[in-house]
Amino acid sequence: MRKTISVPIDEGRLSAIEMYLEQKNSTLTAELEKYIEQLYGKIVPQNVRDYIEMLAASQKPRQRRSGADKDKPEQQDGV
């Protein structure tokens, strides 16, 4: 699950950041996503990152199965 965060910033500073990032063919969102990944790797211990990845990987197949099961009609016993 992804969450959205908001950060207060002065309008003038935001405009300047966006203007110069555009010159570098980037966006504030892209740069912040890169920084968050770097921060996550720096702050969160490796064993915790591994555990979180393991949980995410184990949830993906379940979601696929449940999504595929929605298209299948339910079977009734004895009919």
PDB file of N, CA and C in Angstrom:
ATOM      1  N   MET A   1       0.848  -1.177   0.000  1.00  0.00           N
ATOM      2  CA  MET A   1       0.000   0.000   0.000  1.00  0.00           C
ATOM      3  C   MET A   1       0.893   1.239   0.000  1.00  0.00           C
ATOM      4  N   ARG A   2       0.534   2.171  -0.815  1.00  0.00           N
ATOM      5  CA  ARG A   2       1.294   3.418  -0.890  1.00  0.00           C
ATOM      6  C   ARG A   2       0.530   4.505  -0.151  1.00  0.00           C
ATOM      7  N   LYS A   3       1.267   5.405   0.471  1.00  0.00           N
ATOM      8  CA  LYS A   3       0.672   6.545   1.161  1.00  0.00           C
ATOM      9  C   LYS A   3       1.216   7.816   0.539  1.00  0.00           C
ATOM     10  N   THR A   4       0.454   8.869   0.663  1.00  0.00           N
ATOM     11  CA  THR A   4       0.865  10.175   0.179  1.00  0.00           C
ATOM     12  C   THR A   4       1.167  11.057   1.375  1.00  0.00           C
ATOM     13  N   ILE A   5       2.255  11.806   1.271  1.00  0.00           N
ATOM     14  CA  ILE A   5       2.602  12.746   2.333  1.00  0.00           C
ATOM     15  C   ILE A   5       2.594  14.150   1.748  1.00  0.00           C
ATOM     16  N   SER A   6       2.428  15.123   2.614  1.00  0.00           N
ATOM     17  CA  SER A   6       2.517  16.508   2.154  1.00  0.00           C
ATOM     18  C   SER A   6       3.514  17.244   3.028  1.00  0.00           C
ATOM     19  N   VAL A   7       4.231  18.147   2.396  1.00  0.00           N
ATOM     20  CA  VAL A   7       5.270  18.901   3.082  1.00  0.00           C
ATOM     21  C   VAL A   7       5.043  20.378   2.804  1.00  0.00           C
ATOM     22  N   PRO A   8       4.917  21.181   3.850  1.00  0.00           N
ATOM     23  CA  PRO A   8       4.745  22.615   3.614  1.00  0.00           C
ATOM     24  C   PRO A   8       6.041  23.231   3.082  1.00  0.00           C
ATOM     25  N   ILE A   9       5.891  24.113   2.079  1.00  0.00           N
ATOM     26  CA  ILE A   9       7.050  24.789   1.491  1.00  0.00           C
ATOM     27  C   ILE A   9       6.604  26.157   0.979  1.00  0.00           C
ATOM     28  N   ASP A  10       7.480  27.105   1.065  1.00  0.00           N
ATOM     29  CA  ASP A  10       7.228  28.448   0.550  1.00  0.00           C
ATOM     30  C   ASP A  10       6.994  28.381  -0.956  1.00  0.00           C
ATOM     31  N   GLU A  11       5.993  29.107  -1.440  1.00  0.00           N
ATOM     32  CA  GLU A  11       5.647  29.088  -2.869  1.00  0.00           C
ATOM     33  C   GLU A  11       6.818  29.471  -3.763  1.00  0.00           C
ATOM     34  N   GLY A  12       7.562  30.484  -3.367  1.00  0.00           N
ATOM     35  CA  GLY A  12       8.699  30.936  -4.174  1.00  0.00           C
ATOM     36  C   GLY A  12       9.760  29.860  -4.299  1.00  0.00           C
ATOM     37  N   ARG A  13      10.048  29.188  -3.195  1.00  0.00           N
ATOM     38  CA  ARG A  13      11.038  28.114  -3.225  1.00  0.00           C
ATOM     39  C   ARG A  13      10.555  26.959  -4.103  1.00  0.00           C
ATOM     40  N   LEU A  14       9.289  26.617  -3.961  1.00  0.00           N
ATOM     41  CA  LEU A  14       8.728  25.529  -4.762  1.00  0.00           C
ATOM     42  C   LEU A  14       8.820  25.851  -6.247  1.00  0.00           C
ATOM     43  N   SER A  15       8.473  27.075  -6.609  1.00  0.00           N
ATOM     44  CA  SER A  15       8.547  27.485  -8.021  1.00  0.00           C
ATOM     45  C   SER A  15       9.972  27.397  -8.546  1.00  0.00           C
ATOM     46  N   ALA A  16      10.929  27.841  -7.737  1.00  0.00           N
ATOM     47  CA  ALA A  16      12.334  27.797  -8.157  1.00  0.00           C
ATOM     48  C   ALA A  16      12.802  26.349  -8.333  1.00  0.00           C
ATOM     49  N   ILE A  17      12.452  25.492  -7.390  1.00  0.00           N
ATOM     50  CA  ILE A  17      12.835  24.075  -7.493  1.00  0.00           C
ATOM     51  C   ILE A  17      12.252  23.469  -8.763  1.00  0.00           C
ATOM     52  N   GLU A  18      10.971  23.695  -8.983  1.00  0.00           N
ATOM     53  CA  GLU A  18      10.321  23.114 -10.164  1.00  0.00           C
ATOM     54  C   GLU A  18      10.930  23.648 -11.458  1.00  0.00           C
ATOM     55  N   MET A  19      11.258  24.931 -11.493  1.00  0.00           N
ATOM     56  CA  MET A  19      11.835  25.530 -12.687  1.00  0.00           C
ATOM     57  C   MET A  19      13.186  24.895 -13.017  1.00  0.00           C
ATOM     58  N   TYR A  20      14.051  24.760 -12.011  1.00  0.00           N
ATOM     59  CA  TYR A  20      15.373  24.209 -12.270  1.00  0.00           C
ATOM     60  C   TYR A  20      15.347  22.699 -12.488  1.00  0.00           C
ATOM     61  N   LEU A  21      14.420  22.013 -11.872  1.00  0.00           N
ATOM     62  CA  LEU A  21      14.285  20.578 -12.142  1.00  0.00           C
ATOM     63  C   LEU A  21      13.798  20.344 -13.570  1.00  0.00           C
ATOM     64  N   GLU A  22      12.941  21.222 -14.057  1.00  0.00           N
ATOM     65  CA  GLU A  22      12.462  21.100 -15.435  1.00  0.00           C
ATOM     66  C   GLU A  22      13.625  21.242 -16.413  1.00  0.00           C
ATOM     67  N   GLN A  23      14.561  22.123 -16.109  1.00  0.00           N
ATOM     68  CA  GLN A  23      15.737  22.295 -16.960  1.00  0.00           C
ATOM     69  C   GLN A  23      16.595  21.030 -16.979  1.00  0.00           C
ATOM     70  N   LYS A  24      16.513  20.246 -15.902  1.00  0.00           N
ATOM     71  CA  LYS A  24      17.261  18.988 -15.816  1.00  0.00           C
ATOM     72  C   LYS A  24      16.396  17.798 -16.218  1.00  0.00           C
ATOM     73  N   ASN A  25      15.254  18.088 -16.837  1.00  0.00           N
ATOM     74  CA  ASN A  25      14.313  17.046 -17.271  1.00  0.00           C
ATOM     75  C   ASN A  25      13.909  16.121 -16.126  1.00  0.00           C
ATOM     76  N   SER A  26      13.584  16.712 -14.998  1.00  0.00           N
ATOM     77  CA  SER A  26      13.148  15.952 -13.841  1.00  0.00           C
ATOM     78  C   SER A  26      11.955  16.657 -13.209  1.00  0.00           C
ATOM     79  N   THR A  27      11.375  16.001 -12.220  1.00  0.00           N
ATOM     80  CA  THR A  27      10.255  16.591 -11.484  1.00  0.00           C
ATOM     81  C   THR A  27      10.532  16.491  -9.994  1.00  0.00           C
ATOM     82  N   LEU A  28       9.822  17.276  -9.231  1.00  0.00           N
ATOM     83  CA  LEU A  28       9.979  17.232  -7.792  1.00  0.00           C
ATOM     84  C   LEU A  28       9.575  15.860  -7.257  1.00  0.00           C
ATOM     85  N   THR A  29       8.507  15.309  -7.798  1.00  0.00           N
ATOM     86  CA  THR A  29       8.056  13.987  -7.359  1.00  0.00           C
ATOM     87  C   THR A  29       9.132  12.938  -7.611  1.00  0.00           C
ATOM     88  N   ALA A  30       9.731  12.945  -8.789  1.00  0.00           N
ATOM     89  CA  ALA A  30      10.781  11.974  -9.112  1.00  0.00           C
ATOM     90  C   ALA A  30      11.972  12.113  -8.176  1.00  0.00           C
ATOM     91  N   GLU A  31      12.382  13.346  -7.927  1.00  0.00           N
ATOM     92  CA  GLU A  31      13.530  13.582  -7.050  1.00  0.00           C
ATOM     93  C   GLU A  31      13.227  13.169  -5.610  1.00  0.00           C
ATOM     94  N   LEU A  32      12.027  13.466  -5.147  1.00  0.00           N
ATOM     95  CA  LEU A  32      11.663  13.080  -3.782  1.00  0.00           C
ATOM     96  C   LEU A  32      11.565  11.560  -3.643  1.00  0.00           C
ATOM     97  N   GLU A  33      11.048  10.893  -4.669  1.00  0.00           N
ATOM     98  CA  GLU A  33      10.985   9.429  -4.619  1.00  0.00           C
ATOM     99  C   GLU A  33      12.375   8.823  -4.534  1.00  0.00           C
ATOM    100  N   LYS A  34      13.330   9.378  -5.308  1.00  0.00           N
ATOM    101  CA  LYS A  34      14.724   8.899  -5.236  1.00  0.00           C
ATOM    102  C   LYS A  34      15.290   9.123  -3.836  1.00  0.00           C
ATOM    103  N   TYR A  35      15.051  10.305  -3.299  1.00  0.00           N
ATOM    104  CA  TYR A  35      15.588  10.629  -1.982  1.00  0.00           C
ATOM    105  C   TYR A  35      14.972   9.740  -0.908  1.00  0.00           C
ATOM    106  N   ILE A  36      13.682   9.474  -0.991  1.00  0.00           N
ATOM    107  CA  ILE A  36      13.028   8.618  -0.002  1.00  0.00           C
ATOM    108  C   ILE A  36      13.623   7.211  -0.047  1.00  0.00           C
ATOM    109  N   GLU A  37      13.913   6.704  -1.256  1.00  0.00           N
ATOM    110  CA  GLU A  37      14.549   5.385  -1.373  1.00  0.00           C
ATOM    111  C   GLU A  37      15.934   5.393  -0.724  1.00  0.00           C
ATOM    112  N   GLN A  38      16.699   6.464  -0.956  1.00  0.00           N
ATOM    113  CA  GLN A  38      18.025   6.580  -0.344  1.00  0.00           C
ATOM    114  C   GLN A  38      17.907   6.639   1.180  1.00  0.00           C
ATOM    115  N   LEU A  39      16.968   7.426   1.670  1.00  0.00           N
ATOM    116  CA  LEU A  39      16.766   7.568   3.102  1.00  0.00           C
ATOM    117  C   LEU A  39      16.336   6.250   3.730  1.00  0.00           C
ATOM    118  N   TYR A  40      15.443   5.548   3.064  1.00  0.00           N
ATOM    119  CA  TYR A  40      14.972   4.241   3.523  1.00  0.00           C
ATOM    120  C   TYR A  40      16.149   3.269   3.640  1.00  0.00           C
ATOM    121  N   GLY A  41      16.993   3.233   2.623  1.00  0.00           N
ATOM    122  CA  GLY A  41      18.157   2.352   2.643  1.00  0.00           C
ATOM    123  C   GLY A  41      19.159   2.731   3.718  1.00  0.00           C
ATOM    124  N   LYS A  42      19.259   3.993   4.013  1.00  0.00           N
ATOM    125  CA  LYS A  42      20.216   4.468   5.012  1.00  0.00           C
ATOM    126  C   LYS A  42      19.713   4.248   6.437  1.00  0.00           C
ATOM    127  N   ILE A  43      18.429   4.470   6.675  1.00  0.00           N
ATOM    128  CA  ILE A  43      17.882   4.467   8.035  1.00  0.00           C
ATOM    129  C   ILE A  43      17.359   3.107   8.472  1.00  0.00           C
ATOM    130  N   VAL A  44      16.662   2.398   7.596  1.00  0.00           N
ATOM    131  CA  VAL A  44      16.024   1.137   7.972  1.00  0.00           C
ATOM    132  C   VAL A  44      17.044   0.003   7.852  1.00  0.00           C
ATOM    133  N   PRO A  45      17.227  -0.773   8.933  1.00  0.00           N
ATOM    134  CA  PRO A  45      18.195  -1.876   8.885  1.00  0.00           C
ATOM    135  C   PRO A  45      17.857  -2.888   7.786  1.00  0.00           C
ATOM    136  N   GLN A  46      18.904  -3.515   7.231  1.00  0.00           N
ATOM    137  CA  GLN A  46      18.740  -4.446   6.122  1.00  0.00           C
ATOM    138  C   GLN A  46      17.776  -5.584   6.451  1.00  0.00           C
ATOM    139  N   ASN A  47      17.860  -6.140   7.660  1.00  0.00           N
ATOM    140  CA  ASN A  47      16.976  -7.259   8.007  1.00  0.00           C
ATOM    141  C   ASN A  47      15.508  -6.828   8.025  1.00  0.00           C
ATOM    142  N   VAL A  48      15.236  -5.598   8.388  1.00  0.00           N
ATOM    143  CA  VAL A  48      13.864  -5.081   8.382  1.00  0.00           C
ATOM    144  C   VAL A  48      13.405  -4.872   6.939  1.00  0.00           C
ATOM    145  N   ARG A  49      14.277  -4.330   6.085  1.00  0.00           N
ATOM    146  CA  ARG A  49      13.935  -4.156   4.664  1.00  0.00           C
ATOM    147  C   ARG A  49      13.643  -5.508   4.014  1.00  0.00           C
ATOM    148  N   ASP A  50      14.457  -6.511   4.350  1.00  0.00           N
ATOM    149  CA  ASP A  50      14.230  -7.857   3.812  1.00  0.00           C
ATOM    150  C   ASP A  50      12.879  -8.403   4.249  1.00  0.00           C
ATOM    151  N   TYR A  51      12.543  -8.196   5.513  1.00  0.00           N
ATOM    152  CA  TYR A  51      11.265  -8.673   6.039  1.00  0.00           C
ATOM    153  C   TYR A  51      10.096  -7.984   5.331  1.00  0.00           C
ATOM    154  N   ILE A  52      10.187  -6.682   5.154  1.00  0.00           N
ATOM    155  CA  ILE A  52       9.126  -5.929   4.476  1.00  0.00           C
ATOM    156  C   ILE A  52       8.977  -6.410   3.033  1.00  0.00           C
ATOM    157  N   GLU A  53      10.087  -6.643   2.343  1.00  0.00           N
ATOM    158  CA  GLU A  53      10.034  -7.151   0.975  1.00  0.00           C
ATOM    159  C   GLU A  53       9.415  -8.539   0.930  1.00  0.00           C
ATOM    160  N   MET A  54       9.733  -9.376   1.919  1.00  0.00           N
ATOM    161  CA  MET A  54       9.175 -10.717   1.981  1.00  0.00           C
ATOM    162  C   MET A  54       7.660 -10.646   2.167  1.00  0.00           C
ATOM    163  N   LEU A  55       7.202  -9.764   3.036  1.00  0.00           N
ATOM    164  CA  LEU A  55       5.766  -9.599   3.251  1.00  0.00           C
ATOM    165  C   LEU A  55       5.079  -9.122   1.970  1.00  0.00           C
ATOM    166  N   ALA A  56       5.669  -8.159   1.308  1.00  0.00           N
ATOM    167  CA  ALA A  56       5.083  -7.625   0.078  1.00  0.00           C
ATOM    168  C   ALA A  56       5.022  -8.703  -1.001  1.00  0.00           C
ATOM    169  N   ALA A  57       6.070  -9.514  -1.113  1.00  0.00           N
ATOM    170  CA  ALA A  57       6.097 -10.573  -2.120  1.00  0.00           C
ATOM    171  C   ALA A  57       5.055 -11.643  -1.819  1.00  0.00           C
ATOM    172  N   SER A  58       4.839 -11.946  -0.553  1.00  0.00           N
ATOM    173  CA  SER A  58       3.864 -12.984  -0.208  1.00  0.00           C
ATOM    174  C   SER A  58       2.434 -12.490  -0.381  1.00  0.00           C
ATOM    175  N   GLN A  59       2.208 -11.194  -0.328  1.00  0.00           N
ATOM    176  CA  GLN A  59       0.866 -10.642  -0.501  1.00  0.00           C
ATOM    177  C   GLN A  59       0.497 -10.514  -1.971  1.00  0.00           C
ATOM    178  N   LYS A  60       1.461 -10.326  -2.861  1.00  0.00           N
ATOM    179  CA  LYS A  60       1.168 -10.156  -4.281  1.00  0.00           C
ATOM    180  C   LYS A  60       0.489 -11.381  -4.889  1.00  0.00           C
ATOM    181  N   PRO A  61       0.988 -12.621  -4.672  1.00  0.00           N
ATOM    182  CA  PRO A  61       0.283 -13.773  -5.254  1.00  0.00           C
ATOM    183  C   PRO A  61      -1.144 -13.916  -4.730  1.00  0.00           C
ATOM    184  N   ARG A  62      -1.367 -13.616  -3.471  1.00  0.00           N
ATOM    185  CA  ARG A  62      -2.718 -13.690  -2.905  1.00  0.00           C
ATOM    186  C   ARG A  62      -3.644 -12.720  -3.616  1.00  0.00           C
ATOM    187  N   GLN A  63      -3.163 -11.512  -3.878  1.00  0.00           N
ATOM    188  CA  GLN A  63      -3.987 -10.518  -4.542  1.00  0.00           C
ATOM    189  C   GLN A  63      -4.300 -10.949  -5.957  1.00  0.00           C
ATOM    190  N   ARG A  64      -3.344 -11.562  -6.648  1.00  0.00           N
ATOM    191  CA  ARG A  64      -3.586 -12.026  -8.015  1.00  0.00           C
ATOM    192  C   ARG A  64      -4.637 -13.123  -8.025  1.00  0.00           C
ATOM    193  N   ARG A  65      -4.511 -14.077  -7.076  1.00  0.00           N
ATOM    194  CA  ARG A  65      -5.471 -15.169  -7.031  1.00  0.00           C
ATOM    195  C   ARG A  65      -6.867 -14.663  -6.744  1.00  0.00           C
ATOM    196  N   SER A  66      -6.984 -13.768  -5.773  1.00  0.00           N
ATOM    197  CA  SER A  66      -8.311 -13.270  -5.432  1.00  0.00           C
ATOM    198  C   SER A  66      -8.902 -12.469  -6.585  1.00  0.00           C
ATOM    199  N   GLY A  67      -8.066 -11.764  -7.336  1.00  0.00           N
ATOM    200  CA  GLY A  67      -8.545 -11.018  -8.495  1.00  0.00           C
ATOM    201  C   GLY A  67      -8.999 -11.949  -9.602  1.00  0.00           C
ATOM    202  N   ALA A  68      -8.298 -13.060  -9.796  1.00  0.00           N
ATOM    203  CA  ALA A  68      -8.678 -14.028 -10.819  1.00  0.00           C
ATOM    204  C   ALA A  68      -9.925 -14.788 -10.395  1.00  0.00           C
ATOM    205  N   ASP A  69     -10.065 -15.036  -9.103  1.00  0.00           N
ATOM    206  CA  ASP A  69     -11.221 -15.762  -8.593  1.00  0.00           C
ATOM    207  C   ASP A  69     -12.508 -14.970  -8.754  1.00  0.00           C
ATOM    208  N   LYS A  70     -12.410 -13.667  -8.828  1.00  0.00           N
ATOM    209  CA  LYS A  70     -13.603 -12.843  -8.981  1.00  0.00           C
ATOM    210  C   LYS A  70     -14.297 -13.117 -10.301  1.00  0.00           C
ATOM    211  N   ASP A  71     -13.505 -13.462 -11.329  1.00  0.00           N
ATOM    212  CA  ASP A  71     -14.062 -13.710 -12.651  1.00  0.00           C
ATOM    213  C   ASP A  71     -14.703 -15.090 -12.770  1.00  0.00           C
ATOM    214  N   LYS A  72     -14.319 -16.017 -11.882  1.00  0.00           N
ATOM    215  CA  LYS A  72     -14.834 -17.374 -11.955  1.00  0.00           C
ATOM    216  C   LYS A  72     -16.150 -17.473 -11.185  1.00  0.00           C
ATOM    217  N   PRO A  73     -17.149 -18.165 -11.744  1.00  0.00           N
ATOM    218  CA  PRO A  73     -18.387 -18.368 -10.997  1.00  0.00           C
ATOM    219  C   PRO A  73     -18.136 -19.327  -9.843  1.00  0.00           C
ATOM    220  N   GLU A  74     -18.867 -19.118  -8.764  1.00  0.00           N
ATOM    221  CA  GLU A  74     -18.702 -19.990  -7.606  1.00  0.00           C
ATOM    222  C   GLU A  74     -19.288 -21.364  -7.903  1.00  0.00           C
ATOM    223  N   GLN A  75     -18.581 -22.403  -7.447  1.00  0.00           N
ATOM    224  CA  GLN A  75     -19.052 -23.761  -7.637  1.00  0.00           C
ATOM    225  C   GLN A  75     -19.919 -24.152  -6.449  1.00  0.00           C
ATOM    226  N   GLN A  76     -20.982 -24.857  -6.736  1.00  0.00           N
ATOM    227  CA  GLN A  76     -21.842 -25.329  -5.661  1.00  0.00           C
ATOM    228  C   GLN A  76     -21.696 -26.837  -5.576  1.00  0.00           C
ATOM    229  N   ASP A  77     -21.585 -27.363  -4.343  1.00  0.00           N
ATOM    230  CA  ASP A  77     -21.427 -28.794  -4.160  1.00  0.00           C
ATOM    231  C   ASP A  77     -22.729 -29.504  -4.470  1.00  0.00           C
ATOM    232  N   GLY A  78     -22.619 -30.611  -5.186  1.00  0.00           N
ATOM    233  CA  GLY A  78     -23.771 -31.451  -5.457  1.00  0.00           C
ATOM    234  C   GLY A  78     -24.652 -30.956  -6.585  1.00  0.00           C
ATOM    235  N   VAL A  79     -24.257 -29.940  -7.318  1.00  0.00           N
ATOM    236  CA  VAL A  79     -25.086 -29.452  -8.417  1.00  0.00           C
ATOM    237  C   VAL A  79     -24.411 -29.706  -9.721  1.00  0.00           C
TER     238      VAL A  79
END
